[in-house]
C-alpha atoms as a PDB file:
ATOM      1  CA  MET A   1     -34.874   3.920  22.500  1.00  0.00           C
ATOM      2  CA  ARG A   2     -34.609   0.344  21.156  1.00  0.00           C
ATOM      3  CA  VAL A   3     -32.530   1.613  18.260  1.00  0.00           C
ATOM      4  CA  LEU A   4     -29.668   2.730  20.517  1.00  0.00           C
ATOM      5  CA  PRO A   5     -28.512  -0.780  21.642  1.00  0.00           C
ATOM      6  CA  GLY A   6     -28.601  -1.988  18.036  1.00  0.00           C
ATOM      7  CA  LEU A   7     -26.612   1.012  16.854  1.00  0.00           C
ATOM      8  CA  ILE A   8     -24.002   0.539  19.576  1.00  0.00           C
ATOM      9  CA  SER A   9     -23.637  -3.156  18.688  1.00  0.00           C
ATOM     10  CA  LEU A  10     -23.194  -2.268  15.038  1.00  0.00           C
ATOM     11  CA  LEU A  11     -20.480   0.248  15.886  1.00  0.00           C
ATOM     12  CA  PHE A  12     -18.587  -2.354  17.938  1.00  0.00           C
ATOM     13  CA  LEU A  13     -18.752  -4.852  15.095  1.00  0.00           C
ATOM     14  CA  ALA A  14     -17.570  -2.308  12.548  1.00  0.00           C
ATOM     15  CA  GLY A  15     -14.610  -1.522  14.771  1.00  0.00           C
ATOM     16  CA  CYS A  16     -13.158  -4.993  14.086  1.00  0.00           C
ATOM     17  CA  SER A  17     -13.103  -4.556  10.305  1.00  0.00           C
ATOM     18  CA  SER A  18      -9.966  -3.354   8.589  1.00  0.00           C
ATOM     19  CA  TRP A  19      -9.494  -0.243   6.498  1.00  0.00           C
ATOM     20  CA  GLN A  20      -7.164   0.497   3.617  1.00  0.00           C
ATOM     21  CA  PRO A  21      -4.216   2.672   4.607  1.00  0.00           C
ATOM     22  CA  ASP A  22      -3.530   5.965   2.872  1.00  0.00           C
ATOM     23  CA  PRO A  23      -0.465   5.654   0.602  1.00  0.00           C
ATOM     24  CA  GLU A  24       1.612   7.930   2.839  1.00  0.00           C
ATOM     25  CA  ASP A  25       0.901   5.678   5.855  1.00  0.00           C
ATOM     26  CA  ILE A  26       2.167   2.451   4.265  1.00  0.00           C
ATOM     27  CA  GLU A  27       5.562   1.189   5.400  1.00  0.00           C
ATOM     28  CA  PRO A  28       7.708  -1.417   3.624  1.00  0.00           C
ATOM     29  CA  VAL A  29       8.110  -4.760   5.348  1.00  0.00           C
ATOM     30  CA  PRO A  30      11.584  -4.669   6.982  1.00  0.00           C
ATOM     31  CA  ALA A  31      14.202  -6.717   5.119  1.00  0.00           C
ATOM     32  CA  GLU A  32      14.571  -9.241   7.969  1.00  0.00           C
ATOM     33  CA  ARG A  33      10.920 -10.283   7.465  1.00  0.00           C
ATOM     34  CA  VAL A  34      11.134 -10.577   3.660  1.00  0.00           C
ATOM     35  CA  LEU A  35      12.256 -14.151   3.061  1.00  0.00           C
ATOM     36  CA  ALA A  36      11.954 -14.975  -0.664  1.00  0.00           C
ATOM     37  CA  TYR A  37      11.351 -13.777  -4.232  1.00  0.00           C
ATOM     38  CA  GLN A  38      13.549 -10.692  -4.030  1.00  0.00           C
ATOM     39  CA  GLN A  39      16.026 -11.425  -6.830  1.00  0.00           C
ATOM     40  CA  PRO A  40      15.290  -9.962 -10.279  1.00  0.00           C
ATOM     41  CA  LEU A  41      14.229 -12.658 -12.750  1.00  0.00           C
ATOM     42  CA  GLU A  42      13.886 -12.796 -16.500  1.00  0.00           C
ATOM     43  CA  ASN A  43      10.330 -13.387 -17.673  1.00  0.00           C
ATOM     44  CA  ALA A  44       8.933 -12.369 -14.273  1.00  0.00           C
ATOM     45  CA  GLY A  45       6.181 -10.163 -12.942  1.00  0.00           C
ATOM     46  CA  GLU A  46       5.733  -8.372  -9.666  1.00  0.00           C
ATOM     47  CA  VAL A  47       3.306  -9.332  -6.903  1.00  0.00           C
ATOM     48  CA  VAL A  48       2.635  -6.620  -4.300  1.00  0.00           C
ATOM     49  CA  VAL A  49       0.812  -7.358  -1.025  1.00  0.00           C
ATOM     50  CA  THR A  50      -0.429  -4.633   1.352  1.00  0.00           C
ATOM     51  CA  ARG A  51      -1.986  -5.342   4.738  1.00  0.00           C
ATOM     52  CA  ASP A  52      -4.842  -3.105   5.872  1.00  0.00           C
ATOM     53  CA  PHE A  53      -4.962  -1.359   9.225  1.00  0.00           C
ATOM     54  CA  GLY A  54      -7.317  -2.896  11.777  1.00  0.00           C
ATOM     55  CA  TRP A  55      -7.686  -4.176  15.313  1.00  0.00           C
ATOM     56  CA  ARG A  56      -8.272  -7.851  14.478  1.00  0.00           C
ATOM     57  CA  GLY A  57      -4.904  -9.591  14.692  1.00  0.00           C
ATOM     58  CA  GLY A  58      -3.199  -6.210  14.940  1.00  0.00           C
ATOM     59  CA  GLY A  59      -0.495  -7.568  17.234  1.00  0.00           C
ATOM     60  CA  CYS A  60       0.327 -10.510  14.963  1.00  0.00           C
ATOM     61  CA  TYR A  61       2.344 -11.007  11.818  1.00  0.00           C
ATOM     62  CA  ILE A  62       0.648 -12.823   8.956  1.00  0.00           C
ATOM     63  CA  ALA A  63       2.599 -15.098   6.643  1.00  0.00           C
ATOM     64  CA  VAL A  64       2.528 -14.206   2.943  1.00  0.00           C
ATOM     65  CA  LEU A  65       3.155 -17.232   0.771  1.00  0.00           C
ATOM     66  CA  ILE A  66       3.920 -17.589  -2.930  1.00  0.00           C
ATOM     67  CA  ASP A  67       3.223 -21.083  -4.276  1.00  0.00           C
ATOM     68  CA  ARG A  68       2.800 -22.151  -0.623  1.00  0.00           C
ATOM     69  CA  GLU A  69       6.365 -21.079   0.248  1.00  0.00           C
ATOM     70  CA  LEU A  70       6.836 -18.564   3.078  1.00  0.00           C
ATOM     71  CA  ALA A  71       7.873 -15.322   1.369  1.00  0.00           C
ATOM     72  CA  ALA A  72       7.316 -12.652   4.063  1.00  0.00           C
ATOM     73  CA  ARG A  73       5.868 -11.872   7.488  1.00  0.00           C
ATOM     74  CA  ILE A  74       3.636  -8.810   7.199  1.00  0.00           C
ATOM     75  CA  HIS A  75       2.225  -6.490   9.876  1.00  0.00           C
ATOM     76  CA  VAL A  76      -0.602  -3.936   9.690  1.00  0.00           C
ATOM     77  CA  GLY A  77       0.015  -1.016   7.346  1.00  0.00           C
ATOM     78  CA  GLU A  78       2.920  -2.704   5.569  1.00  0.00           C
ATOM     79  CA  ARG A  79       3.608  -3.513   1.917  1.00  0.00           C
ATOM     80  CA  VAL A  80       5.929  -6.061   0.316  1.00  0.00           C
ATOM     81  CA  SER A  81       6.874  -6.723  -3.311  1.00  0.00           C
ATOM     82  CA  PHE A  82       7.988 -10.001  -4.868  1.00  0.00           C
ATOM     83  CA  GLN A  83       9.647 -10.871  -8.188  1.00  0.00           C
ATOM     84  CA  VAL A  84       7.682 -13.924  -9.318  1.00  0.00           C
ATOM     85  CA  PRO A  85       8.163 -16.162 -12.372  1.00  0.00           C
ATOM     86  CA  ALA A  86       5.465 -15.741 -15.014  1.00  0.00           C
ATOM     87  CA  GLY A  87       2.596 -18.216 -15.043  1.00  0.00           C
ATOM     88  CA  ALA A  88      -0.092 -19.433 -12.679  1.00  0.00           C
ATOM     89  CA  ARG A  89       0.911 -18.787  -9.052  1.00  0.00           C
ATOM     90  CA  ILE A  90      -0.810 -19.281  -5.719  1.00  0.00           C
ATOM     91  CA  VAL A  91      -0.687 -16.119  -3.591  1.00  0.00           C
ATOM     92  CA  SER A  92      -1.836 -16.804  -0.062  1.00  0.00           C
ATOM     93  CA  ILE A  93      -1.812 -15.771   3.574  1.00  0.00           C
ATOM     94  CA  GLY A  94      -1.533 -18.020   6.571  1.00  0.00           C
ATOM     95  CA  THR A  95      -0.509 -18.352  10.186  1.00  0.00           C
ATOM     96  CA  ASP A  96       3.085 -17.243  10.670  1.00  0.00           C
ATOM     97  CA  PRO A  97       5.076 -20.481  11.180  1.00  0.00           C
ATOM     98  CA  LEU A  98       7.980 -18.539  12.740  1.00  0.00           C
ATOM     99  CA  ASP A  99       5.790 -17.101  15.511  1.00  0.00           C
ATOM    100  CA  ASP A 100       5.976 -19.093  18.754  1.00  0.00           C
ATOM    101  CA  THR A 101       3.438 -16.898  20.573  1.00  0.00           C
ATOM    102  CA  LEU A 102      -0.326 -17.335  20.726  1.00  0.00           C
ATOM    103  CA  CYS A 103      -0.580 -15.726  17.265  1.00  0.00           C
ATOM    104  CA  GLY A 104       1.327 -18.673  15.776  1.00  0.00           C
ATOM    105  CA  LYS A 105      -1.146 -21.157  17.233  1.00  0.00           C
ATOM    106  CA  LEU A 106      -4.097 -19.895  15.213  1.00  0.00           C
ATOM    107  CA  SER A 107      -5.362 -21.516  12.030  1.00  0.00           C
ATOM    108  CA  LEU A 108      -5.418 -19.382   8.888  1.00  0.00           C
ATOM    109  CA  ARG A 109      -5.069 -20.163   5.185  1.00  0.00           C
ATOM    110  CA  ARG A 110      -6.579 -18.139   2.336  1.00  0.00           C
ATOM    111  CA  GLU A 111      -5.389 -18.639  -1.236  1.00  0.00           C
ATOM    112  CA  LYS A 112      -5.879 -16.888  -4.568  1.00  0.00           C
ATOM    113  CA  LEU A 113      -4.788 -18.065  -7.995  1.00  0.00           C
ATOM    114  CA  ALA A 114      -2.836 -15.332  -9.778  1.00  0.00           C
ATOM    115  CA  GLN A 115      -1.857 -15.258 -13.427  1.00  0.00           C
ATOM    116  CA  VAL A 116       1.526 -13.521 -13.398  1.00  0.00           C
ATOM    117  CA  VAL A 117       2.486 -11.829 -16.680  1.00  0.00           C
ATOM    118  CA  PRO A 118       6.060 -10.701 -17.429  1.00  0.00           C
ATOM    119  CA  ALA A 119       6.742  -7.019 -16.610  1.00  0.00           C
ATOM    120  CA  GLN A 120       3.304  -6.502 -15.045  1.00  0.00           C
ATOM    121  CA  THR A 121       2.304  -5.919 -11.418  1.00  0.00           C
ATOM    122  CA  LEU A 122      -0.481  -7.705  -9.546  1.00  0.00           C
ATOM    123  CA  GLU A 123      -1.619  -6.131  -6.280  1.00  0.00           C
ATOM    124  CA  PHE A 124      -3.351  -7.795  -3.329  1.00  0.00           C
ATOM    125  CA  ARG A 125      -4.769  -6.547  -0.013  1.00  0.00           C
ATOM    126  CA  VAL A 126      -4.837  -8.463   3.250  1.00  0.00           C
ATOM    127  CA  VAL A 127      -8.150  -7.513   4.876  1.00  0.00           C
ATOM    128  CA  SER A 128      -9.959  -8.542   8.035  1.00  0.00           C
ATOM    129  CA  GLY A 129     -13.627  -8.429   8.841  1.00  0.00           C
ATOM    130  CA  ASN A 130     -16.250  -9.910  11.071  1.00  0.00           C
ATOM    131  CA  ASP A 131     -17.741 -12.072   8.348  1.00  0.00           C
ATOM    132  CA  VAL A 132     -14.717 -14.063   7.099  1.00  0.00           C
ATOM    133  CA  GLY A 133     -11.853 -13.130   9.406  1.00  0.00           C
ATOM    134  CA  PHE A 134      -8.709 -12.561   7.343  1.00  0.00           C
ATOM    135  CA  ASP A 135      -8.681 -12.737   3.553  1.00  0.00           C
ATOM    136  CA  ILE A 136      -6.449 -11.776   0.652  1.00  0.00           C
ATOM    137  CA  LEU A 137      -8.141  -9.927  -2.201  1.00  0.00           C
ATOM    138  CA  PRO A 138      -6.896  -8.802  -5.608  1.00  0.00           C
ATOM    139  CA  VAL A 139      -6.809  -5.044  -6.106  1.00  0.00           C
ATOM    140  CA  GLU A 140      -8.512  -3.957  -9.309  1.00  0.00           C
ATOM    141  CA  PRO A 141      -6.385  -1.601 -11.422  1.00  0.00           C
END
């Protein structure tokens, strides 16, 4: 009988973690929320960011930044692609600076160093969990 309360607590905690969407469920970020890195470039690579489904922050946009510049505002189950100059780049997520609701008042910044190679694609996932909150993780090919 003591196992039941522990099991219920564990189920509630797991409910706040995100899960990777199936490919057919992913939507592109609408053009009005894609703000930079859309023009084709010579000697560039592609950076793709997909946000998982999940309850945590599900009503909020998250800012996607390239080299600490706001590049897009992403919602759950969305994907966005960027044309990024080759070289070392900082791919990060943060609080949406264009959001004047409660979501925009939160504090969030997670960064990853990405080595962008011409004509190659780097993929990242925006995840959420009970242990670290939001994070951005590289997707292994």
